[in-house]
Amino acid sequence: SACLTVCLSVTGSRTAGRRPRCPTHCEKAREMALRVRSNMAAGAEIHIPACSEDGNFLPLQCVGSRCFCVDAEGKTMIGGPTGGAVTCKMFSRLSEQFHLSEQKLENTSLTLMN
């Protein structure tokens, strides 16, 4: 059976000039990781996803001194050695293109619905 996710806005939560939106995959993963970390022993490391302002995964993610690149879905693309420098420029460009395409598709859908 299919599951339908419904997102409701709380009265007063609307930001001027912006529609309310459901939390993104990154924002949900970050919230869950923060809850898990609050129950962990001091000094234990856990990956807390880094999200952009619009809720997408940032291409470069880190746990302590270990950093790695992720795709638009937050899946690890490449990892660097502990403390090693990692750059995600290529993945960042691909991610930007993906999100721009996704945004154009969403805008087209909204235009068709109106």
N, C-alpha and C. Protein backbone atom coordinates (compact mmCIF):
# COMPACT_ATOMS: atom_id res chain seq x y z
N SER A 1 0.83 -1.19 0.00
CA SER A 1 0.00 0.00 0.00
C SER A 1 0.87 1.25 0.00
N ALA A 2 0.39 2.28 -0.63
CA ALA A 2 1.15 3.53 -0.73
C ALA A 2 0.94 4.36 0.53
N CYS A 3 1.95 5.11 0.86
CA CYS A 3 1.90 5.98 2.03
C CYS A 3 1.91 7.42 1.54
N LEU A 4 1.03 8.23 2.03
CA LEU A 4 0.95 9.64 1.63
C LEU A 4 1.42 10.50 2.79
N THR A 5 2.41 11.34 2.53
CA THR A 5 2.91 12.25 3.55
C THR A 5 2.22 13.59 3.38
N VAL A 6 1.67 14.09 4.46
CA VAL A 6 0.98 15.37 4.44
C VAL A 6 1.75 16.33 5.34
N CYS A 7 1.96 17.53 4.86
CA CYS A 7 2.66 18.55 5.64
C CYS A 7 1.71 19.70 5.91
N LEU A 8 1.54 20.01 7.16
CA LEU A 8 0.65 21.10 7.53
C LEU A 8 1.46 22.26 8.07
N SER A 9 1.05 23.47 7.76
CA SER A 9 1.75 24.63 8.32
C SER A 9 1.07 25.04 9.61
N VAL A 10 1.87 25.43 10.58
CA VAL A 10 1.35 25.89 11.86
C VAL A 10 0.99 27.36 11.70
N THR A 11 -0.12 27.77 12.27
CA THR A 11 -0.54 29.16 12.17
C THR A 11 0.58 30.07 12.64
N GLY A 12 0.89 31.07 11.82
CA GLY A 12 1.95 32.01 12.17
C GLY A 12 3.34 31.57 11.73
N SER A 13 3.45 30.40 11.12
CA SER A 13 4.77 29.90 10.72
C SER A 13 5.18 30.37 9.33
N ARG A 14 4.28 31.01 8.64
CA ARG A 14 4.57 31.46 7.28
C ARG A 14 5.56 32.62 7.30
N THR A 15 6.57 32.53 6.45
CA THR A 15 7.56 33.60 6.33
C THR A 15 7.11 34.52 5.21
N ALA A 16 7.25 35.83 5.41
CA ALA A 16 6.81 36.80 4.41
C ALA A 16 7.42 36.49 3.05
N GLY A 17 6.57 36.38 2.03
CA GLY A 17 7.03 36.14 0.67
C GLY A 17 7.39 34.70 0.36
N ARG A 18 7.22 33.79 1.31
CA ARG A 18 7.57 32.38 1.07
C ARG A 18 6.42 31.48 1.48
N ARG A 19 6.26 30.40 0.73
CA ARG A 19 5.25 29.41 1.09
C ARG A 19 5.82 28.51 2.17
N PRO A 20 4.97 28.00 3.05
CA PRO A 20 5.47 27.02 4.02
C PRO A 20 5.87 25.76 3.25
N ARG A 21 6.86 25.03 3.75
CA ARG A 21 7.27 23.81 3.07
C ARG A 21 7.53 22.72 4.09
N CYS A 22 7.42 21.50 3.64
CA CYS A 22 7.72 20.36 4.51
C CYS A 22 9.22 20.29 4.73
N PRO A 23 9.66 19.73 5.87
CA PRO A 23 11.10 19.54 6.09
C PRO A 23 11.66 18.62 5.00
N THR A 24 12.86 18.93 4.54
CA THR A 24 13.52 18.13 3.51
C THR A 24 14.14 16.88 4.12
N HIS A 25 14.61 15.99 3.27
CA HIS A 25 15.29 14.78 3.73
C HIS A 25 16.48 15.15 4.60
N CYS A 26 17.26 16.15 4.19
CA CYS A 26 18.43 16.58 4.95
C CYS A 26 18.01 17.11 6.33
N GLU A 27 16.99 17.95 6.35
CA GLU A 27 16.54 18.53 7.62
C GLU A 27 16.01 17.46 8.57
N LYS A 28 15.29 16.47 8.04
CA LYS A 28 14.79 15.38 8.89
C LYS A 28 15.95 14.53 9.42
N ALA A 29 16.93 14.24 8.54
CA ALA A 29 18.09 13.44 8.96
C ALA A 29 18.90 14.19 10.02
N ARG A 30 19.04 15.50 9.85
CA ARG A 30 19.78 16.31 10.82
C ARG A 30 19.08 16.31 12.18
N GLU A 31 17.76 16.50 12.16
CA GLU A 31 16.98 16.52 13.40
C GLU A 31 17.11 15.18 14.14
N MET A 32 17.02 14.08 13.39
CA MET A 32 17.13 12.76 14.00
C MET A 32 18.52 12.55 14.59
N ALA A 33 19.57 12.94 13.85
CA ALA A 33 20.94 12.78 14.32
C ALA A 33 21.19 13.61 15.59
N LEU A 34 20.62 14.80 15.65
CA LEU A 34 20.77 15.64 16.85
C LEU A 34 20.10 14.98 18.05
N ARG A 35 18.94 14.35 17.83
CA ARG A 35 18.26 13.63 18.92
C ARG A 35 19.10 12.46 19.41
N VAL A 36 19.67 11.70 18.45
CA VAL A 36 20.51 10.55 18.80
C VAL A 36 21.73 11.02 19.58
N ARG A 37 22.37 12.10 19.10
CA ARG A 37 23.57 12.61 19.77
C ARG A 37 23.29 13.03 21.20
N SER A 38 22.10 13.58 21.45
CA SER A 38 21.77 14.03 22.80
C SER A 38 21.72 12.87 23.79
N ASN A 39 21.57 11.64 23.29
CA ASN A 39 21.53 10.46 24.16
C ASN A 39 22.85 9.70 24.18
N MET A 40 23.87 10.20 23.50
CA MET A 40 25.16 9.52 23.42
C MET A 40 26.10 10.01 24.52
N ALA A 41 27.13 9.20 24.79
CA ALA A 41 28.15 9.58 25.77
C ALA A 41 28.92 10.79 25.26
N ALA A 42 29.40 11.61 26.17
CA ALA A 42 30.19 12.79 25.80
C ALA A 42 31.42 12.35 25.02
N GLY A 43 31.72 13.07 23.95
CA GLY A 43 32.90 12.76 23.14
C GLY A 43 32.64 11.79 22.01
N ALA A 44 31.49 11.11 22.01
CA ALA A 44 31.16 10.18 20.93
C ALA A 44 30.83 11.00 19.68
N GLU A 45 31.28 10.51 18.52
CA GLU A 45 31.04 11.23 17.27
C GLU A 45 29.92 10.58 16.47
N ILE A 46 29.11 11.42 15.88
CA ILE A 46 28.04 10.97 14.99
C ILE A 46 27.94 12.00 13.87
N HIS A 47 27.58 11.53 12.69
CA HIS A 47 27.43 12.46 11.57
C HIS A 47 26.14 13.24 11.73
N ILE A 48 26.28 14.55 11.81
CA ILE A 48 25.13 15.46 11.83
C ILE A 48 25.09 16.10 10.44
N PRO A 49 24.13 15.74 9.59
CA PRO A 49 24.10 16.29 8.23
C PRO A 49 24.11 17.82 8.22
N ALA A 50 24.87 18.37 7.28
CA ALA A 50 24.91 19.82 7.07
C ALA A 50 23.99 20.13 5.89
N CYS A 51 23.03 21.02 6.13
CA CYS A 51 22.03 21.35 5.10
C CYS A 51 22.19 22.81 4.68
N SER A 52 21.86 23.09 3.44
CA SER A 52 21.87 24.47 2.94
C SER A 52 20.63 25.19 3.48
N GLU A 53 20.54 26.50 3.22
CA GLU A 53 19.38 27.28 3.68
C GLU A 53 18.07 26.75 3.14
N ASP A 54 18.10 26.21 1.90
CA ASP A 54 16.86 25.69 1.32
C ASP A 54 16.65 24.21 1.63
N GLY A 55 17.48 23.65 2.53
CA GLY A 55 17.25 22.30 3.01
C GLY A 55 17.94 21.18 2.26
N ASN A 56 18.78 21.51 1.29
CA ASN A 56 19.50 20.47 0.55
C ASN A 56 20.78 20.07 1.28
N PHE A 57 21.26 18.85 1.02
CA PHE A 57 22.52 18.43 1.61
C PHE A 57 23.65 19.27 1.02
N LEU A 58 24.53 19.78 1.88
CA LEU A 58 25.73 20.45 1.38
C LEU A 58 26.65 19.37 0.82
N PRO A 59 27.35 19.64 -0.27
CA PRO A 59 28.20 18.60 -0.89
C PRO A 59 29.29 18.08 0.04
N LEU A 60 29.84 18.92 0.92
CA LEU A 60 30.89 18.50 1.84
C LEU A 60 30.30 18.28 3.22
N GLN A 61 30.43 17.07 3.73
CA GLN A 61 29.95 16.70 5.06
C GLN A 61 31.14 16.24 5.89
N CYS A 62 31.10 16.47 7.20
CA CYS A 62 32.22 16.07 8.06
C CYS A 62 31.71 15.43 9.35
N VAL A 63 32.51 14.49 9.86
CA VAL A 63 32.33 13.90 11.18
C VAL A 63 33.67 14.07 11.86
N GLY A 64 33.74 14.96 12.83
CA GLY A 64 35.03 15.26 13.44
C GLY A 64 35.96 15.83 12.38
N SER A 65 37.13 15.20 12.21
CA SER A 65 38.10 15.68 11.21
C SER A 65 38.00 14.92 9.89
N ARG A 66 37.09 13.94 9.80
CA ARG A 66 36.93 13.17 8.56
C ARG A 66 35.82 13.77 7.73
N CYS A 67 36.17 14.19 6.51
CA CYS A 67 35.19 14.81 5.62
C CYS A 67 35.00 13.97 4.36
N PHE A 68 33.84 14.11 3.75
CA PHE A 68 33.50 13.34 2.56
C PHE A 68 32.47 14.11 1.75
N CYS A 69 32.33 13.73 0.48
CA CYS A 69 31.36 14.37 -0.41
C CYS A 69 30.09 13.52 -0.48
N VAL A 70 28.96 14.20 -0.61
CA VAL A 70 27.69 13.50 -0.76
C VAL A 70 26.97 14.02 -2.00
N ASP A 71 26.05 13.19 -2.51
CA ASP A 71 25.23 13.61 -3.64
C ASP A 71 24.00 14.36 -3.12
N ALA A 72 23.09 14.69 -4.02
CA ALA A 72 21.90 15.46 -3.65
C ALA A 72 21.00 14.73 -2.66
N GLU A 73 21.13 13.40 -2.59
CA GLU A 73 20.32 12.59 -1.67
C GLU A 73 21.04 12.34 -0.34
N GLY A 74 22.28 12.86 -0.21
CA GLY A 74 23.04 12.67 1.02
C GLY A 74 23.86 11.39 1.06
N LYS A 75 23.92 10.68 -0.08
CA LYS A 75 24.70 9.44 -0.14
C LYS A 75 26.18 9.77 -0.37
N THR A 76 27.08 9.08 0.35
CA THR A 76 28.51 9.33 0.25
C THR A 76 29.02 9.04 -1.15
N MET A 77 29.76 10.00 -1.71
CA MET A 77 30.35 9.85 -3.05
C MET A 77 31.81 9.44 -2.95
N ILE A 78 32.61 10.23 -2.21
CA ILE A 78 34.01 9.90 -2.00
C ILE A 78 34.37 10.28 -0.58
N GLY A 79 35.39 9.62 -0.03
CA GLY A 79 35.83 9.95 1.31
C GLY A 79 37.31 10.21 1.32
N GLY A 80 37.74 11.08 2.20
CA GLY A 80 39.16 11.38 2.32
C GLY A 80 39.72 10.73 3.55
N PRO A 81 41.03 10.64 3.62
CA PRO A 81 41.65 10.09 4.82
C PRO A 81 41.38 11.01 6.01
N THR A 82 41.46 10.46 7.21
CA THR A 82 41.21 11.26 8.40
C THR A 82 42.07 12.50 8.38
N GLY A 83 41.45 13.65 8.47
CA GLY A 83 42.18 14.91 8.48
C GLY A 83 42.64 15.36 7.10
N GLY A 84 42.43 14.54 6.08
CA GLY A 84 42.87 14.90 4.73
C GLY A 84 41.94 15.91 4.09
N ALA A 85 42.48 16.65 3.15
CA ALA A 85 41.67 17.65 2.45
C ALA A 85 40.78 16.97 1.42
N VAL A 86 39.53 17.33 1.40
CA VAL A 86 38.58 16.80 0.43
C VAL A 86 37.89 18.00 -0.22
N THR A 87 37.79 17.99 -1.55
CA THR A 87 37.03 19.03 -2.23
C THR A 87 35.92 18.36 -3.01
N CYS A 88 34.80 19.01 -3.05
CA CYS A 88 33.62 18.43 -3.70
C CYS A 88 33.14 19.33 -4.83
N LYS A 89 34.04 20.04 -5.49
CA LYS A 89 33.63 20.99 -6.53
C LYS A 89 32.82 20.31 -7.62
N MET A 90 33.31 19.16 -8.12
CA MET A 90 32.59 18.48 -9.19
C MET A 90 31.20 18.08 -8.72
N PHE A 91 31.11 17.53 -7.52
CA PHE A 91 29.82 17.09 -7.00
C PHE A 91 28.94 18.29 -6.69
N SER A 92 29.55 19.39 -6.28
CA SER A 92 28.79 20.60 -6.00
C SER A 92 28.11 21.10 -7.27
N ARG A 93 28.87 21.12 -8.38
CA ARG A 93 28.29 21.57 -9.66
C ARG A 93 27.16 20.65 -10.08
N LEU A 94 27.36 19.34 -9.98
CA LEU A 94 26.32 18.40 -10.36
C LEU A 94 25.09 18.58 -9.48
N SER A 95 25.33 18.77 -8.19
CA SER A 95 24.23 18.97 -7.25
C SER A 95 23.46 20.24 -7.58
N GLU A 96 24.18 21.33 -7.89
CA GLU A 96 23.52 22.58 -8.26
C GLU A 96 22.67 22.39 -9.51
N GLN A 97 23.21 21.68 -10.52
CA GLN A 97 22.45 21.45 -11.75
C GLN A 97 21.21 20.63 -11.45
N PHE A 98 21.34 19.62 -10.60
CA PHE A 98 20.21 18.78 -10.23
C PHE A 98 19.12 19.62 -9.56
N HIS A 99 19.53 20.46 -8.59
CA HIS A 99 18.54 21.26 -7.87
C HIS A 99 17.92 22.33 -8.74
N LEU A 100 18.69 22.91 -9.68
CA LEU A 100 18.11 23.88 -10.61
C LEU A 100 17.07 23.22 -11.50
N SER A 101 17.38 22.01 -11.98
CA SER A 101 16.42 21.27 -12.81
C SER A 101 15.17 20.94 -12.01
N GLU A 102 15.39 20.52 -10.76
CA GLU A 102 14.29 20.17 -9.87
C GLU A 102 13.40 21.40 -9.62
N GLN A 103 14.04 22.57 -9.42
CA GLN A 103 13.32 23.81 -9.17
C GLN A 103 12.51 24.22 -10.40
N LYS A 104 13.09 24.10 -11.59
CA LYS A 104 12.38 24.44 -12.83
C LYS A 104 11.15 23.55 -12.99
N LEU A 105 11.32 22.26 -12.69
CA LEU A 105 10.22 21.31 -12.79
C LEU A 105 9.11 21.69 -11.81
N GLU A 106 9.48 22.05 -10.58
CA GLU A 106 8.50 22.44 -9.58
C GLU A 106 7.76 23.71 -10.01
N ASN A 107 8.49 24.70 -10.54
CA ASN A 107 7.86 25.94 -11.00
C ASN A 107 6.91 25.67 -12.17
N THR A 108 7.29 24.76 -13.07
CA THR A 108 6.43 24.39 -14.19
C THR A 108 5.16 23.73 -13.68
N SER A 109 5.30 22.85 -12.68
CA SER A 109 4.14 22.16 -12.11
C SER A 109 3.19 23.16 -11.47
N LEU A 110 3.75 24.15 -10.75
CA LEU A 110 2.91 25.16 -10.11
C LEU A 110 2.17 25.99 -11.14
N THR A 111 2.83 26.33 -12.24
CA THR A 111 2.21 27.12 -13.30
C THR A 111 1.06 26.33 -13.92
N LEU A 112 1.27 25.04 -14.15
CA LEU A 112 0.24 24.20 -14.75
C LEU A 112 -0.96 24.03 -13.82
N MET A 113 -0.70 24.04 -12.50
CA MET A 113 -1.78 23.85 -11.53
C MET A 113 -2.64 25.09 -11.38
N ASN A 114 -2.08 26.27 -11.63
CA ASN A 114 -2.82 27.52 -11.43
C ASN A 114 -3.74 27.84 -12.56
